[in-house]
């Protein structure tokens, strides 16, 4: 009978099950089957001679011995990653990055980010989700996503958070509404349908409060997707309040015009966020790429 040999796959399985709480989700992350993960944990427990996990109705919790070994297991994975990084060949990294981004990122610099990641880390596959920031936060904390690039505010702090930059808002309308080229009063703006972010967004709430504080009734339409908001503005269905970063092309071509109203909602503040512990080299490098290419505000005016 061959002697059991402890290897990195046993350690990976142990850490993933501990973090995710189920064998099924650990198997999904490690691209294997649930029986394979169960077997790795059983082999590890047999080798150590103690139970590391208690199984209960589909969920898993660490025993005291498992808790004691979790940080050393993380240190092993971190050391293995450091060894591979020292090879100085990014093509050696393999894995899956579950990436979630806000819609504005998808409309602006996401393609460039994905191209740079593919060129530098060809062995890292990217599973992409584009969604509202609140949904991305939920997915990050239930560990369905590894990295999010999203806008604040956040209701929970992430261990890995790197601020990327800001994007200001701008009032825009189709030329046919004849609102461009002159100052617009609050009353005149409120007379138009206002197209804004999702009802749960900071901008939507601030727009509603701003006009209510002036005693004005407002036809404020909440739209879950900025792309829909932009298209409705292009069709002349109202005045839109959108991030400048996604408007450069339509303003340059004259498809929309700026509306000269002196108040706008607060800037969108974007951060890259992750929870993985330890975070692999390629994930930390992905954050650095995002920092470097986060675009400056458009100077279109």
C-alpha atoms as a PDB file:
ATOM      1  CA  UNK A   1       0.000   0.000   0.000  1.00  0.00           C
ATOM      2  CA  UNK A   2       1.474   3.330  -1.082  1.00  0.00           C
ATOM      3  CA  UNK A   3       2.215   5.865   1.615  1.00  0.00           C
ATOM      4  CA  UNK A   4       0.046   9.012   1.650  1.00  0.00           C
ATOM      5  CA  UNK A   5       1.825  12.103   0.326  1.00  0.00           C
ATOM      6  CA  UNK A   6       0.600  15.485   1.443  1.00  0.00           C
ATOM      7  CA  UNK A   7       0.487  18.006  -1.417  1.00  0.00           C
ATOM      8  CA  UNK A   8      -0.735  21.500  -2.189  1.00  0.00           C
ATOM      9  CA  UNK A   9      -4.132  20.242  -3.400  1.00  0.00           C
ATOM     10  CA  UNK A  10      -4.969  18.987   0.083  1.00  0.00           C
ATOM     11  CA  UNK A  11      -4.121  22.402   1.547  1.00  0.00           C
ATOM     12  CA  UNK A  12      -6.119  24.239  -1.143  1.00  0.00           C
ATOM     13  CA  UNK A  13      -9.151  22.066  -0.487  1.00  0.00           C
ATOM     14  CA  UNK A  14      -8.923  22.628   3.266  1.00  0.00           C
ATOM     15  CA  UNK A  15      -8.709  26.437   2.956  1.00  0.00           C
ATOM     16  CA  UNK A  16     -11.467  26.688   0.329  1.00  0.00           C
ATOM     17  CA  UNK A  17     -13.905  24.543   2.310  1.00  0.00           C
ATOM     18  CA  UNK A  18     -13.127  26.570   5.436  1.00  0.00           C
ATOM     19  CA  UNK A  19     -13.755  29.860   3.610  1.00  0.00           C
ATOM     20  CA  UNK A  20     -16.780  28.841   1.561  1.00  0.00           C
ATOM     21  CA  UNK A  21     -18.494  26.595   4.082  1.00  0.00           C
ATOM     22  CA  UNK A  22     -19.435  23.808   1.670  1.00  0.00           C
ATOM     23  CA  UNK A  23     -17.674  21.073  -0.269  1.00  0.00           C
ATOM     24  CA  UNK A  24     -19.756  21.879  -3.351  1.00  0.00           C
ATOM     25  CA  UNK A  25     -18.632  25.503  -3.594  1.00  0.00           C
ATOM     26  CA  UNK A  26     -15.024  24.548  -2.892  1.00  0.00           C
ATOM     27  CA  UNK A  27     -15.214  22.050  -5.753  1.00  0.00           C
ATOM     28  CA  UNK A  28     -16.578  24.727  -8.086  1.00  0.00           C
ATOM     29  CA  UNK A  29     -13.773  27.128  -7.228  1.00  0.00           C
ATOM     30  CA  UNK A  30     -11.081  24.480  -7.653  1.00  0.00           C
ATOM     31  CA  UNK A  31     -12.610  23.125 -10.882  1.00  0.00           C
ATOM     32  CA  UNK A  32     -13.121  19.623  -9.595  1.00  0.00           C
ATOM     33  CA  UNK A  33     -15.895  17.443  -8.189  1.00  0.00           C
ATOM     34  CA  UNK A  34     -17.421  17.390  -4.737  1.00  0.00           C
ATOM     35  CA  UNK A  35     -16.318  13.749  -4.148  1.00  0.00           C
ATOM     36  CA  UNK A  36     -12.756  14.788  -5.024  1.00  0.00           C
ATOM     37  CA  UNK A  37     -12.818  17.561  -2.416  1.00  0.00           C
ATOM     38  CA  UNK A  38     -14.328  15.201   0.160  1.00  0.00           C
ATOM     39  CA  UNK A  39     -11.587  12.691  -0.580  1.00  0.00           C
ATOM     40  CA  UNK A  40      -8.823  15.283  -0.169  1.00  0.00           C
ATOM     41  CA  UNK A  41     -10.198  16.366   3.199  1.00  0.00           C
ATOM     42  CA  UNK A  42     -10.601  12.761   4.337  1.00  0.00           C
ATOM     43  CA  UNK A  43      -6.995  12.009   3.308  1.00  0.00           C
ATOM     44  CA  UNK A  44      -5.755  15.087   5.151  1.00  0.00           C
ATOM     45  CA  UNK A  45      -7.681  14.177   8.293  1.00  0.00           C
ATOM     46  CA  UNK A  46      -6.415  10.594   8.082  1.00  0.00           C
ATOM     47  CA  UNK A  47      -2.834  11.824   7.749  1.00  0.00           C
ATOM     48  CA  UNK A  48      -3.143  14.198  10.725  1.00  0.00           C
ATOM     49  CA  UNK A  49      -5.161  11.704  12.746  1.00  0.00           C
ATOM     50  CA  UNK A  50      -7.817  14.196  13.814  1.00  0.00           C
ATOM     51  CA  UNK A  51     -11.013  15.592  12.393  1.00  0.00           C
ATOM     52  CA  UNK A  52     -10.612  19.079  10.949  1.00  0.00           C
ATOM     53  CA  UNK A  53     -14.241  19.691  10.026  1.00  0.00           C
ATOM     54  CA  UNK A  54     -17.703  18.839  11.254  1.00  0.00           C
ATOM     55  CA  UNK A  55     -20.310  18.192   8.542  1.00  0.00           C
ATOM     56  CA  UNK A  56     -23.895  19.158   9.344  1.00  0.00           C
ATOM     57  CA  UNK A  57     -26.840  19.292   6.895  1.00  0.00           C
ATOM     58  CA  UNK A  58     -24.745  20.397   3.948  1.00  0.00           C
ATOM     59  CA  UNK A  59     -22.677  22.964   5.822  1.00  0.00           C
ATOM     60  CA  UNK A  60     -19.199  22.634   7.281  1.00  0.00           C
ATOM     61  CA  UNK A  61     -17.556  24.154  10.352  1.00  0.00           C
ATOM     62  CA  UNK A  62     -14.009  23.778  11.578  1.00  0.00           C
ATOM     63  CA  UNK A  63     -13.146  21.801  14.682  1.00  0.00           C
ATOM     64  CA  UNK A  64     -10.754  23.409  17.193  1.00  0.00           C
ATOM     65  CA  UNK A  65      -7.902  21.528  15.486  1.00  0.00           C
ATOM     66  CA  UNK A  66      -9.076  22.792  12.098  1.00  0.00           C
ATOM     67  CA  UNK A  67      -9.159  26.369  13.406  1.00  0.00           C
ATOM     68  CA  UNK A  68      -5.607  25.987  14.708  1.00  0.00           C
ATOM     69  CA  UNK A  69      -4.346  24.737  11.327  1.00  0.00           C
ATOM     70  CA  UNK A  70      -6.131  27.265   9.099  1.00  0.00           C
ATOM     71  CA  UNK A  71      -3.558  30.078   9.331  1.00  0.00           C
ATOM     72  CA  UNK A  72      -0.608  27.713   8.772  1.00  0.00           C
ATOM     73  CA  UNK A  73      -2.468  26.360   5.731  1.00  0.00           C
ATOM     74  CA  UNK A  74      -2.886  29.894   4.392  1.00  0.00           C
ATOM     75  CA  UNK A  75       0.837  30.471   4.926  1.00  0.00           C
ATOM     76  CA  UNK A  76       1.628  27.406   2.805  1.00  0.00           C
ATOM     77  CA  UNK A  77      -0.505  28.725  -0.064  1.00  0.00           C
ATOM     78  CA  UNK A  78       1.084  32.152   0.242  1.00  0.00           C
ATOM     79  CA  UNK A  79       4.565  30.618   0.136  1.00  0.00           C
ATOM     80  CA  UNK A  80       3.668  28.557  -2.940  1.00  0.00           C
ATOM     81  CA  UNK A  81       2.387  31.686  -4.674  1.00  0.00           C
ATOM     82  CA  UNK A  82       5.574  33.575  -3.734  1.00  0.00           C
ATOM     83  CA  UNK A  83       7.666  30.715  -5.144  1.00  0.00           C
ATOM     84  CA  UNK A  84       5.822  30.890  -8.457  1.00  0.00           C
ATOM     85  CA  UNK A  85       6.108  34.682  -8.526  1.00  0.00           C
ATOM     86  CA  UNK A  86       9.879  34.341  -8.051  1.00  0.00           C
ATOM     87  CA  UNK A  87      10.034  32.318 -11.268  1.00  0.00           C
ATOM     88  CA  UNK A  88       9.312  35.685 -12.929  1.00  0.00           C
ATOM     89  CA  UNK A  89       7.094  34.205 -15.638  1.00  0.00           C
ATOM     90  CA  UNK A  90       3.462  35.267 -15.374  1.00  0.00           C
ATOM     91  CA  UNK A  91       2.425  32.625 -17.910  1.00  0.00           C
ATOM     92  CA  UNK A  92       2.980  30.011 -15.183  1.00  0.00           C
ATOM     93  CA  UNK A  93       0.014  31.202 -13.140  1.00  0.00           C
ATOM     94  CA  UNK A  94      -3.211  29.265 -13.609  1.00  0.00           C
ATOM     95  CA  UNK A  95      -6.654  29.769 -12.155  1.00  0.00           C
ATOM     96  CA  UNK A  96      -9.985  31.526 -12.403  1.00  0.00           C
ATOM     97  CA  UNK A  97     -10.709  35.169 -11.540  1.00  0.00           C
ATOM     98  CA  UNK A  98     -14.381  35.753 -10.777  1.00  0.00           C
ATOM     99  CA  UNK A  99     -14.613  39.453 -11.583  1.00  0.00           C
ATOM    100  CA  UNK A 100     -17.572  41.729 -10.934  1.00  0.00           C
ATOM    101  CA  UNK A 101     -17.722  45.280 -12.300  1.00  0.00           C
ATOM    102  CA  UNK A 102     -20.169  48.168 -12.186  1.00  0.00           C
ATOM    103  CA  UNK A 103     -21.873  49.080 -15.448  1.00  0.00           C
ATOM    104  CA  UNK A 104     -19.842  52.276 -15.891  1.00  0.00           C
ATOM    105  CA  UNK A 105     -16.654  50.205 -15.974  1.00  0.00           C
ATOM    106  CA  UNK A 106     -18.166  47.990 -18.664  1.00  0.00           C
ATOM    107  CA  UNK A 107     -19.020  51.077 -20.728  1.00  0.00           C
ATOM    108  CA  UNK A 108     -15.544  52.598 -20.464  1.00  0.00           C
ATOM    109  CA  UNK A 109     -12.248  50.772 -19.800  1.00  0.00           C
ATOM    110  CA  UNK A 110     -13.201  47.143 -19.145  1.00  0.00           C
ATOM    111  CA  UNK A 111     -12.055  45.936 -22.581  1.00  0.00           C
ATOM    112  CA  UNK A 112      -8.595  47.395 -22.063  1.00  0.00           C
ATOM    113  CA  UNK A 113      -8.370  45.809 -18.621  1.00  0.00           C
ATOM    114  CA  UNK A 114      -9.351  42.378 -19.967  1.00  0.00           C
ATOM    115  CA  UNK A 115      -6.845  42.628 -22.818  1.00  0.00           C
ATOM    116  CA  UNK A 116      -3.994  43.505 -20.451  1.00  0.00           C
ATOM    117  CA  UNK A 117      -4.911  40.657 -18.129  1.00  0.00           C
ATOM    118  CA  UNK A 118      -5.024  38.185 -21.019  1.00  0.00           C
ATOM    119  CA  UNK A 119      -1.651  39.320 -22.338  1.00  0.00           C
ATOM    120  CA  UNK A 120       0.056  39.188 -18.955  1.00  0.00           C
ATOM    121  CA  UNK A 121      -1.696  36.180 -17.382  1.00  0.00           C
ATOM    122  CA  UNK A 122      -2.838  33.912 -20.236  1.00  0.00           C
ATOM    123  CA  UNK A 123      -3.409  31.043 -17.802  1.00  0.00           C
ATOM    124  CA  UNK A 124      -5.958  32.998 -15.750  1.00  0.00           C
ATOM    125  CA  UNK A 125      -9.527  32.662 -17.018  1.00  0.00           C
ATOM    126  CA  UNK A 126     -11.937  35.486 -16.179  1.00  0.00           C
ATOM    127  CA  UNK A 127     -15.570  34.848 -15.329  1.00  0.00           C
ATOM    128  CA  UNK A 128     -17.218  38.273 -15.686  1.00  0.00           C
ATOM    129  CA  UNK A 129     -20.308  39.699 -13.966  1.00  0.00           C
ATOM    130  CA  UNK A 130     -21.675  43.185 -14.725  1.00  0.00           C
ATOM    131  CA  UNK A 131     -24.218  44.352 -12.174  1.00  0.00           C
ATOM    132  CA  UNK A 132     -25.296  47.112  -9.812  1.00  0.00           C
ATOM    133  CA  UNK A 133     -22.845  47.883  -7.034  1.00  0.00           C
ATOM    134  CA  UNK A 134     -25.138  46.633  -4.258  1.00  0.00           C
ATOM    135  CA  UNK A 135     -25.454  43.243  -5.963  1.00  0.00           C
ATOM    136  CA  UNK A 136     -21.697  43.049  -6.504  1.00  0.00           C
ATOM    137  CA  UNK A 137     -21.084  43.651  -2.797  1.00  0.00           C
ATOM    138  CA  UNK A 138     -23.452  40.840  -1.877  1.00  0.00           C
ATOM    139  CA  UNK A 139     -21.714  38.465  -4.290  1.00  0.00           C
ATOM    140  CA  UNK A 140     -18.286  39.476  -2.962  1.00  0.00           C
ATOM    141  CA  UNK A 141     -19.222  38.690   0.632  1.00  0.00           C
ATOM    142  CA  UNK A 142     -20.874  35.383  -0.177  1.00  0.00           C
ATOM    143  CA  UNK A 143     -17.651  34.659  -2.098  1.00  0.00           C
ATOM    144  CA  UNK A 144     -19.289  34.192  -5.478  1.00  0.00           C
ATOM    145  CA  UNK A 145     -16.858  36.865  -6.732  1.00  0.00           C
ATOM    146  CA  UNK A 146     -13.121  37.178  -6.067  1.00  0.00           C
ATOM    147  CA  UNK A 147     -12.664  40.814  -7.109  1.00  0.00           C
ATOM    148  CA  UNK A 148     -15.113  43.653  -7.626  1.00  0.00           C
ATOM    149  CA  UNK A 149     -14.538  47.031  -9.257  1.00  0.00           C
ATOM    150  CA  UNK A 150     -17.467  49.074  -8.042  1.00  0.00           C
ATOM    151  CA  UNK A 151     -18.617  52.405  -6.717  1.00  0.00           C
ATOM    152  CA  UNK A 152     -19.232  53.425  -3.119  1.00  0.00           C
ATOM    153  CA  UNK A 153     -20.939  53.727  -0.714  1.00  0.00           C
ATOM    154  CA  UNK A 154     -20.375  50.281   0.769  1.00  0.00           C
ATOM    155  CA  UNK A 155     -22.339  48.822   3.657  1.00  0.00           C
ATOM    156  CA  UNK A 156     -19.499  46.443   4.596  1.00  0.00           C
ATOM    157  CA  UNK A 157     -15.729  46.817   4.665  1.00  0.00           C
ATOM    158  CA  UNK A 158     -13.601  44.440   2.587  1.00  0.00           C
ATOM    159  CA  UNK A 159     -10.171  43.379   3.791  1.00  0.00           C
ATOM    160  CA  UNK A 160      -8.624  44.272   0.447  1.00  0.00           C
ATOM    161  CA  UNK A 161      -9.846  47.695  -0.727  1.00  0.00           C
ATOM    162  CA  UNK A 162      -7.935  49.957  -3.114  1.00  0.00           C
ATOM    163  CA  UNK A 163      -9.473  53.249  -4.234  1.00  0.00           C
ATOM    164  CA  UNK A 164      -9.211  53.773  -7.986  1.00  0.00           C
ATOM    165  CA  UNK A 165     -10.699  57.177  -8.773  1.00  0.00           C
ATOM    166  CA  UNK A 166     -13.809  59.274  -9.220  1.00  0.00           C
ATOM    167  CA  UNK A 167     -16.332  59.987 -11.954  1.00  0.00           C
ATOM    168  CA  UNK A 168     -18.431  63.161 -11.921  1.00  0.00           C
ATOM    169  CA  UNK A 169     -22.039  63.375 -13.088  1.00  0.00           C
ATOM    170  CA  UNK A 170     -23.391  65.522 -15.865  1.00  0.00           C
ATOM    171  CA  UNK A 171     -26.886  66.629 -16.954  1.00  0.00           C
ATOM    172  CA  UNK A 172     -27.516  65.854 -20.621  1.00  0.00           C
ATOM    173  CA  UNK A 173     -30.440  65.974 -23.040  1.00  0.00           C
ATOM    174  CA  UNK A 174     -31.199  65.448 -26.702  1.00  0.00           C
ATOM    175  CA  UNK A 175     -30.746  68.632 -28.781  1.00  0.00           C
ATOM    176  CA  UNK A 176     -34.447  68.564 -29.677  1.00  0.00           C
ATOM    177  CA  UNK A 177     -35.421  69.412 -26.085  1.00  0.00           C
ATOM    178  CA  UNK A 178     -33.681  72.802 -26.536  1.00  0.00           C
ATOM    179  CA  UNK A 179     -32.097  72.838 -23.111  1.00  0.00           C
ATOM    180  CA  UNK A 180     -28.482  73.321 -24.187  1.00  0.00           C
ATOM    181  CA  UNK A 181     -26.379  76.468 -24.427  1.00  0.00           C
ATOM    182  CA  UNK A 182     -28.020  78.468 -21.625  1.00  0.00           C
ATOM    183  CA  UNK A 183     -28.459  78.318 -17.842  1.00  0.00           C
ATOM    184  CA  UNK A 184     -31.457  76.219 -16.754  1.00  0.00           C
ATOM    185  CA  UNK A 185     -33.474  76.871 -13.593  1.00  0.00           C
ATOM    186  CA  UNK A 186     -34.547  74.177 -11.164  1.00  0.00           C
ATOM    187  CA  UNK A 187     -38.181  74.733 -12.130  1.00  0.00           C
ATOM    188  CA  UNK A 188     -37.466  74.342 -15.851  1.00  0.00           C
ATOM    189  CA  UNK A 189     -35.420  71.197 -15.269  1.00  0.00           C
ATOM    190  CA  UNK A 190     -38.070  69.714 -12.971  1.00  0.00           C
ATOM    191  CA  UNK A 191     -40.657  70.210 -15.704  1.00  0.00           C
ATOM    192  CA  UNK A 192     -38.861  67.505 -17.727  1.00  0.00           C
ATOM    193  CA  UNK A 193     -38.838  63.782 -16.989  1.00  0.00           C
ATOM    194  CA  UNK A 194     -35.554  63.072 -15.176  1.00  0.00           C
ATOM    195  CA  UNK A 195     -33.750  59.845 -16.051  1.00  0.00           C
ATOM    196  CA  UNK A 196     -31.514  58.582 -13.252  1.00  0.00           C
ATOM    197  CA  UNK A 197     -29.774  55.572 -11.727  1.00  0.00           C
ATOM    198  CA  UNK A 198     -31.485  52.727  -9.935  1.00  0.00           C
ATOM    199  CA  UNK A 199     -33.776  53.630  -7.059  1.00  0.00           C
ATOM    200  CA  UNK A 200     -31.251  52.262  -4.558  1.00  0.00           C
ATOM    201  CA  UNK A 201     -28.399  54.423  -5.869  1.00  0.00           C
ATOM    202  CA  UNK A 202     -26.931  57.428  -4.104  1.00  0.00           C
ATOM    203  CA  UNK A 203     -27.496  59.649  -7.162  1.00  0.00           C
ATOM    204  CA  UNK A 204     -31.210  58.813  -7.353  1.00  0.00           C
ATOM    205  CA  UNK A 205     -31.722  59.671  -3.687  1.00  0.00           C
ATOM    206  CA  UNK A 206     -29.745  62.903  -3.937  1.00  0.00           C
ATOM    207  CA  UNK A 207     -31.649  64.087  -7.021  1.00  0.00           C
ATOM    208  CA  UNK A 208     -34.986  63.459  -5.351  1.00  0.00           C
ATOM    209  CA  UNK A 209     -33.906  65.254  -2.165  1.00  0.00           C
ATOM    210  CA  UNK A 210     -32.489  68.214  -4.086  1.00  0.00           C
ATOM    211  CA  UNK A 211     -35.712  69.061  -5.873  1.00  0.00           C
ATOM    212  CA  UNK A 212     -37.985  68.242  -2.929  1.00  0.00           C
ATOM    213  CA  UNK A 213     -35.980  70.659  -0.804  1.00  0.00           C
ATOM    214  CA  UNK A 214     -36.905  73.374  -3.306  1.00  0.00           C
ATOM    215  CA  UNK A 215     -40.583  72.490  -3.117  1.00  0.00           C
ATOM    216  CA  UNK A 216     -40.669  71.135  -6.661  1.00  0.00           C
ATOM    217  CA  UNK A 217     -42.480  68.034  -7.860  1.00  0.00           C
ATOM    218  CA  UNK A 218     -40.349  65.817 -10.021  1.00  0.00           C
ATOM    219  CA  UNK A 219     -40.996  63.064 -12.539  1.00  0.00           C
ATOM    220  CA  UNK A 220     -37.975  60.978 -11.554  1.00  0.00           C
ATOM    221  CA  UNK A 221     -37.559  57.708 -13.429  1.00  0.00           C
ATOM    222  CA  UNK A 222     -35.275  55.076 -11.898  1.00  0.00           C
ATOM    223  CA  UNK A 223     -33.490  52.861 -14.390  1.00  0.00           C
ATOM    224  CA  UNK A 224     -31.477  49.842 -13.312  1.00  0.00           C
ATOM    225  CA  UNK A 225     -29.022  50.173 -16.184  1.00  0.00           C
ATOM    226  CA  UNK A 226     -27.109  53.272 -17.237  1.00  0.00           C
ATOM    227  CA  UNK A 227     -27.170  52.075 -20.825  1.00  0.00           C
ATOM    228  CA  UNK A 228     -30.975  52.195 -20.795  1.00  0.00           C
ATOM    229  CA  UNK A 229     -30.854  55.664 -19.260  1.00  0.00           C
ATOM    230  CA  UNK A 230     -28.486  56.828 -21.978  1.00  0.00           C
ATOM    231  CA  UNK A 231     -30.612  55.372 -24.769  1.00  0.00           C
ATOM    232  CA  UNK A 232     -33.772  57.026 -23.448  1.00  0.00           C
ATOM    233  CA  UNK A 233     -31.940  60.362 -23.321  1.00  0.00           C
ATOM    234  CA  UNK A 234     -30.799  59.875 -26.920  1.00  0.00           C
ATOM    235  CA  UNK A 235     -34.439  59.256 -27.856  1.00  0.00           C
ATOM    236  CA  UNK A 236     -35.437  62.566 -26.285  1.00  0.00           C
ATOM    237  CA  UNK A 237     -37.496  60.979 -23.497  1.00  0.00           C
ATOM    238  CA  UNK A 238     -36.086  63.134 -20.716  1.00  0.00           C
ATOM    239  CA  UNK A 239     -33.047  64.769 -19.145  1.00  0.00           C
ATOM    240  CA  UNK A 240     -30.447  62.283 -17.917  1.00  0.00           C
ATOM    241  CA  UNK A 241     -27.969  62.567 -15.083  1.00  0.00           C
ATOM    242  CA  UNK A 242     -25.084  60.270 -15.980  1.00  0.00           C
ATOM    243  CA  UNK A 243     -21.349  59.908 -15.313  1.00  0.00           C
ATOM    244  CA  UNK A 244     -19.243  62.072 -17.609  1.00  0.00           C
ATOM    245  CA  UNK A 245     -16.968  59.114 -18.343  1.00  0.00           C
ATOM    246  CA  UNK A 246     -19.620  57.382 -20.461  1.00  0.00           C
ATOM    247  CA  UNK A 247     -20.731  60.491 -22.383  1.00  0.00           C
ATOM    248  CA  UNK A 248     -17.657  61.577 -24.329  1.00  0.00           C
ATOM    249  CA  UNK A 249     -18.656  60.006 -27.637  1.00  0.00           C
ATOM    250  CA  UNK A 250     -22.287  61.178 -27.678  1.00  0.00           C
ATOM    251  CA  UNK A 251     -21.336  64.718 -26.616  1.00  0.00           C
ATOM    252  CA  UNK A 252     -18.547  64.968 -29.193  1.00  0.00           C
ATOM    253  CA  UNK A 253     -20.902  63.827 -31.961  1.00  0.00           C
ATOM    254  CA  UNK A 254     -23.660  66.204 -30.805  1.00  0.00           C
ATOM    255  CA  UNK A 255     -26.131  63.426 -30.112  1.00  0.00           C
ATOM    256  CA  UNK A 256     -26.604  64.874 -26.631  1.00  0.00           C
ATOM    257  CA  UNK A 257     -25.853  68.318 -25.196  1.00  0.00           C
ATOM    258  CA  UNK A 258     -24.884  69.370 -21.692  1.00  0.00           C
ATOM    259  CA  UNK A 259     -27.628  70.939 -19.641  1.00  0.00           C
ATOM    260  CA  UNK A 260     -26.266  73.930 -17.714  1.00  0.00           C
ATOM    261  CA  UNK A 261     -27.730  73.351 -14.272  1.00  0.00           C
ATOM    262  CA  UNK A 262     -25.420  74.289 -11.346  1.00  0.00           C
ATOM    263  CA  UNK A 263     -26.041  71.282  -9.084  1.00  0.00           C
ATOM    264  CA  UNK A 264     -25.081  67.641  -9.659  1.00  0.00           C
ATOM    265  CA  UNK A 265     -25.060  64.564  -7.397  1.00  0.00           C
ATOM    266  CA  UNK A 266     -21.848  63.551  -5.663  1.00  0.00           C
ATOM    267  CA  UNK A 267     -19.119  61.935  -7.746  1.00  0.00           C
ATOM    268  CA  UNK A 268     -19.060  58.171  -8.051  1.00  0.00           C
ATOM    269  CA  UNK A 269     -16.024  56.900  -6.128  1.00  0.00           C
ATOM    270  CA  UNK A 270     -14.649  53.586  -7.394  1.00  0.00           C
ATOM    271  CA  UNK A 271     -12.644  50.952  -5.550  1.00  0.00           C
ATOM    272  CA  UNK A 272     -11.280  47.504  -6.262  1.00  0.00           C
ATOM    273  CA  UNK A 273     -12.282  45.098  -3.463  1.00  0.00           C
ATOM    274  CA  UNK A 274     -11.381  41.516  -2.596  1.00  0.00           C
ATOM    275  CA  UNK A 275     -11.516  39.113   0.348  1.00  0.00           C
ATOM    276  CA  UNK A 276      -9.229  36.244  -0.699  1.00  0.00           C
ATOM    277  CA  UNK A 277      -6.706  35.346   1.991  1.00  0.00           C
ATOM    278  CA  UNK A 278      -4.060  34.924   0.848  1.00  0.00           C
ATOM    279  CA  UNK A 279      -4.704  36.921  -2.327  1.00  0.00           C
ATOM    280  CA  UNK A 280      -2.747  35.368  -5.209  1.00  0.00           C
ATOM    281  CA  UNK A 281      -0.173  37.419  -7.080  1.00  0.00           C
ATOM    282  CA  UNK A 282      -2.293  37.628 -10.212  1.00  0.00           C
ATOM    283  CA  UNK A 283      -5.263  39.077  -8.298  1.00  0.00           C
ATOM    284  CA  UNK A 284      -3.101  41.760  -6.677  1.00  0.00           C
ATOM    285  CA  UNK A 285      -1.592  42.539 -10.080  1.00  0.00           C
ATOM    286  CA  UNK A 286      -5.117  42.823 -11.536  1.00  0.00           C
ATOM    287  CA  UNK A 287      -5.825  45.536  -8.970  1.00  0.00           C
ATOM    288  CA  UNK A 288      -2.646  47.373  -9.986  1.00  0.00           C
ATOM    289  CA  UNK A 289      -3.670  47.221 -13.644  1.00  0.00           C
ATOM    290  CA  UNK A 290      -7.052  48.696 -12.728  1.00  0.00           C
ATOM    291  CA  UNK A 291      -5.325  51.483 -10.766  1.00  0.00           C
ATOM    292  CA  UNK A 292      -3.126  52.340 -13.700  1.00  0.00           C
ATOM    293  CA  UNK A 293      -5.792  52.481 -16.405  1.00  0.00           C
ATOM    294  CA  UNK A 294      -8.678  53.981 -14.442  1.00  0.00           C
ATOM    295  CA  UNK A 295      -9.516  56.811 -16.865  1.00  0.00           C
ATOM    296  CA  UNK A 296      -9.348  60.532 -16.123  1.00  0.00           C
ATOM    297  CA  UNK A 297     -12.554  62.498 -16.484  1.00  0.00           C
ATOM    298  CA  UNK A 298     -13.525  63.392 -20.010  1.00  0.00           C
ATOM    299  CA  UNK A 299     -12.721  66.973 -20.939  1.00  0.00           C
ATOM    300  CA  UNK A 300     -15.597  67.015 -23.413  1.00  0.00           C
ATOM    301  CA  UNK A 301     -17.605  70.118 -23.001  1.00  0.00           C
END
